[in-house]
C-alpha atoms as a PDB file:
ATOM      1  CA  MET A   1       0.000   0.000   0.000  1.00  0.00           C
ATOM      2  CA  GLU A   2       1.157   3.463  -0.820  1.00  0.00           C
ATOM      3  CA  ARG A   3       1.754   5.891   2.014  1.00  0.00           C
ATOM      4  CA  ILE A   4      -0.271   9.082   1.870  1.00  0.00           C
ATOM      5  CA  ARG A   5       1.046  10.453   5.160  1.00  0.00           C
ATOM      6  CA  THR A   6       4.195  10.146   7.215  1.00  0.00           C
ATOM      7  CA  VAL A   7       3.852   9.384  10.916  1.00  0.00           C
ATOM      8  CA  ILE A   8       6.650  10.324  13.311  1.00  0.00           C
ATOM      9  CA  ALA A   9       6.942  10.557  17.085  1.00  0.00           C
ATOM     10  CA  PHE A  10       7.888  13.768  18.878  1.00  0.00           C
ATOM     11  CA  GLN A  11      10.349  13.236  21.738  1.00  0.00           C
ATOM     12  CA  ASN A  12      10.162   9.823  23.456  1.00  0.00           C
ATOM     13  CA  HIS A  13       6.667   9.790  25.033  1.00  0.00           C
ATOM     14  CA  PHE A  14       5.038   7.591  22.398  1.00  0.00           C
ATOM     15  CA  GLU A  15       7.921   5.099  22.415  1.00  0.00           C
ATOM     16  CA  ALA A  16       7.818   4.867  26.231  1.00  0.00           C
ATOM     17  CA  PHE A  17       4.071   4.179  26.097  1.00  0.00           C
ATOM     18  CA  LEU A  18       4.499   1.607  23.312  1.00  0.00           C
ATOM     19  CA  LYS A  19       7.194  -0.357  25.166  1.00  0.00           C
ATOM     20  CA  LYS A  20       4.897  -0.792  28.196  1.00  0.00           C
ATOM     21  CA  GLN A  21       2.173  -2.453  26.107  1.00  0.00           C
ATOM     22  CA  PRO A  22       1.764  -6.209  25.532  1.00  0.00           C
ATOM     23  CA  ILE A  23       2.845  -7.441  22.067  1.00  0.00           C
ATOM     24  CA  LYS A  24      -0.763  -7.827  20.860  1.00  0.00           C
ATOM     25  CA  VAL A  25      -1.506  -4.204  21.767  1.00  0.00           C
ATOM     26  CA  GLN A  26       1.732  -3.059  20.081  1.00  0.00           C
ATOM     27  CA  ASP A  27       0.668  -4.901  16.914  1.00  0.00           C
ATOM     28  CA  LYS A  28      -2.727  -3.197  17.005  1.00  0.00           C
ATOM     29  CA  ILE A  29      -1.035   0.200  17.482  1.00  0.00           C
ATOM     30  CA  PHE A  30       1.143  -0.441  14.402  1.00  0.00           C
ATOM     31  CA  LYS A  31      -1.948  -1.442  12.382  1.00  0.00           C
ATOM     32  CA  THR A  32      -3.658   1.789  13.423  1.00  0.00           C
ATOM     33  CA  ILE A  33      -0.592   3.841  12.422  1.00  0.00           C
ATOM     34  CA  GLU A  34      -0.533   1.996   9.088  1.00  0.00           C
ATOM     35  CA  ALA A  35      -4.191   2.937   8.526  1.00  0.00           C
ATOM     36  CA  ILE A  36      -3.370   6.596   9.272  1.00  0.00           C
ATOM     37  CA  GLU A  37      -0.467   6.452   6.798  1.00  0.00           C
ATOM     38  CA  THR A  38      -2.303   4.736   3.949  1.00  0.00           C
ATOM     39  CA  LEU A  39      -6.044   5.515   4.041  1.00  0.00           C
ATOM     40  CA  GLY A  40      -7.299   8.621   2.244  1.00  0.00           C
ATOM     41  CA  ARG A  41     -10.064   9.084   4.809  1.00  0.00           C
ATOM     42  CA  VAL A  42      -9.188   7.622   8.178  1.00  0.00           C
ATOM     43  CA  PRO A  43     -12.350   6.320   9.952  1.00  0.00           C
ATOM     44  CA  LYS A  44     -13.275   7.876  13.318  1.00  0.00           C
ATOM     45  CA  THR A  45     -12.835   4.448  14.879  1.00  0.00           C
ATOM     46  CA  TYR A  46      -9.074   4.965  14.317  1.00  0.00           C
ATOM     47  CA  LEU A  47      -8.602   8.727  14.495  1.00  0.00           C
ATOM     48  CA  LYS A  48     -10.848  11.239  16.213  1.00  0.00           C
ATOM     49  CA  ALA A  49     -10.506  15.018  16.377  1.00  0.00           C
ATOM     50  CA  LEU A  50     -10.773  16.385  19.906  1.00  0.00           C
ATOM     51  CA  SER A  51     -12.985  19.449  20.028  1.00  0.00           C
ATOM     52  CA  GLY A  52     -11.637  22.613  21.592  1.00  0.00           C
ATOM     53  CA  THR A  53      -7.984  21.528  21.326  1.00  0.00           C
ATOM     54  CA  ASN A  54      -6.778  23.441  18.262  1.00  0.00           C
ATOM     55  CA  GLY A  55      -5.982  20.437  16.051  1.00  0.00           C
ATOM     56  CA  LEU A  56      -5.329  17.639  18.529  1.00  0.00           C
ATOM     57  CA  TYR A  57      -6.479  14.129  17.588  1.00  0.00           C
ATOM     58  CA  GLU A  58      -6.475  10.819  19.350  1.00  0.00           C
ATOM     59  CA  ALA A  59      -5.593   7.595  17.594  1.00  0.00           C
ATOM     60  CA  ARG A  60      -7.787   4.893  19.108  1.00  0.00           C
ATOM     61  CA  ILE A  61      -6.597   1.343  19.684  1.00  0.00           C
ATOM     62  CA  LYS A  62      -9.148  -1.159  20.961  1.00  0.00           C
ATOM     63  CA  LEU A  63      -8.183  -4.685  21.914  1.00  0.00           C
ATOM     64  CA  GLY A  64     -10.712  -6.601  23.981  1.00  0.00           C
ATOM     65  CA  THR A  65     -11.680  -4.394  26.916  1.00  0.00           C
ATOM     66  CA  ASN A  66      -8.506  -2.305  26.706  1.00  0.00           C
ATOM     67  CA  ILE A  67      -8.738   1.012  24.923  1.00  0.00           C
ATOM     68  CA  GLY A  68      -5.415   2.639  24.124  1.00  0.00           C
ATOM     69  CA  ARG A  69      -5.192   6.230  22.998  1.00  0.00           C
ATOM     70  CA  VAL A  70      -2.315   8.077  21.409  1.00  0.00           C
ATOM     71  CA  PHE A  71      -2.527  11.826  20.969  1.00  0.00           C
ATOM     72  CA  CYS A  72      -1.336  13.198  17.658  1.00  0.00           C
ATOM     73  CA  PHE A  73      -1.758  16.119  15.270  1.00  0.00           C
ATOM     74  CA  PHE A  74      -1.166  16.987  11.634  1.00  0.00           C
ATOM     75  CA  ASP A  75       1.669  19.251  10.550  1.00  0.00           C
ATOM     76  CA  LYS A  76       1.406  20.513   6.967  1.00  0.00           C
ATOM     77  CA  GLY A  77      -1.376  18.009   6.264  1.00  0.00           C
ATOM     78  CA  LYS A  78       0.812  15.050   5.344  1.00  0.00           C
ATOM     79  CA  LEU A  79       2.886  14.683   8.492  1.00  0.00           C
ATOM     80  CA  VAL A  80       1.337  13.182  11.612  1.00  0.00           C
ATOM     81  CA  ILE A  81       3.123  13.817  14.909  1.00  0.00           C
ATOM     82  CA  LEU A  82       2.610  11.235  17.676  1.00  0.00           C
ATOM     83  CA  LEU A  83       2.676  12.505  21.250  1.00  0.00           C
ATOM     84  CA  ASN A  84       1.856  10.721  24.516  1.00  0.00           C
ATOM     85  CA  GLY A  85      -0.394   7.681  24.933  1.00  0.00           C
ATOM     86  CA  PHE A  86      -2.389   6.003  27.677  1.00  0.00           C
ATOM     87  CA  VAL A  87      -4.698   3.046  28.283  1.00  0.00           C
ATOM     88  CA  ASN A  88      -8.206   3.853  29.366  1.00  0.00           C
ATOM     89  CA  LYS A  89     -11.113   1.702  30.542  1.00  0.00           C
ATOM     90  CA  THR A  90     -13.717   4.423  29.931  1.00  0.00           C
ATOM     91  CA  GLN A  91     -14.759   6.663  27.024  1.00  0.00           C
ATOM     92  CA  LYS A  92     -13.616   9.811  28.846  1.00  0.00           C
ATOM     93  CA  THR A  93     -10.166  11.191  28.118  1.00  0.00           C
ATOM     94  CA  PRO A  94      -8.302  12.096  31.338  1.00  0.00           C
ATOM     95  CA  PRO A  95      -7.727  15.898  31.426  1.00  0.00           C
ATOM     96  CA  LYS A  96      -4.157  15.334  32.728  1.00  0.00           C
ATOM     97  CA  GLU A  97      -3.260  13.324  29.593  1.00  0.00           C
ATOM     98  CA  MET A  98      -4.912  15.820  27.254  1.00  0.00           C
ATOM     99  CA  ASN A  99      -3.130  18.759  28.916  1.00  0.00           C
ATOM    100  CA  LYS A 100       0.189  16.942  28.530  1.00  0.00           C
ATOM    101  CA  ALA A 101      -0.517  16.438  24.803  1.00  0.00           C
ATOM    102  CA  ILE A 102      -1.442  20.104  24.315  1.00  0.00           C
ATOM    103  CA  LYS A 103       1.795  21.116  26.059  1.00  0.00           C
ATOM    104  CA  LEU A 104       3.829  18.735  23.849  1.00  0.00           C
ATOM    105  CA  MET A 105       2.159  20.082  20.695  1.00  0.00           C
ATOM    106  CA  ALA A 106       3.168  23.611  21.744  1.00  0.00           C
ATOM    107  CA  GLU A 107       6.746  22.395  22.404  1.00  0.00           C
ATOM    108  CA  TYR A 108       6.860  20.838  18.925  1.00  0.00           C
ATOM    109  CA  TYR A 109       5.895  24.100  17.205  1.00  0.00           C
ATOM    110  CA  GLU A 110       8.296  26.032  19.431  1.00  0.00           C
ATOM    111  CA  SER A 111      11.160  23.676  18.484  1.00  0.00           C
ATOM    112  CA  LYS A 112      10.378  24.187  14.773  1.00  0.00           C
ATOM    113  CA  LYS A 113      10.875  27.963  15.147  1.00  0.00           C
ATOM    114  CA  ARG A 114      14.439  27.472  16.377  1.00  0.00           C
END
């Protein structure tokens, strides 16, 4: 499959989250990233815009009863930046995790100015 987008991680937060996950969850995360890279329109089941966050999205990984989330955003349309991730048992996104992602997104844009 041809890649439409490039997905990269900013700093080491995503990698740290990934390493803590069981292999099956890691595989599902990679499949979700592949969908983001290759599908013209990514279904909301994989990627959902978070309202009121100025461009923040969450990639959603569901395996059994575990729901993993990885915050990300688009830079120049074709580049997806992965931020922090967490595992959640409920539909609500913890404010602490969202605030961390918003802070990381700001750091990313600040680092690009330098």
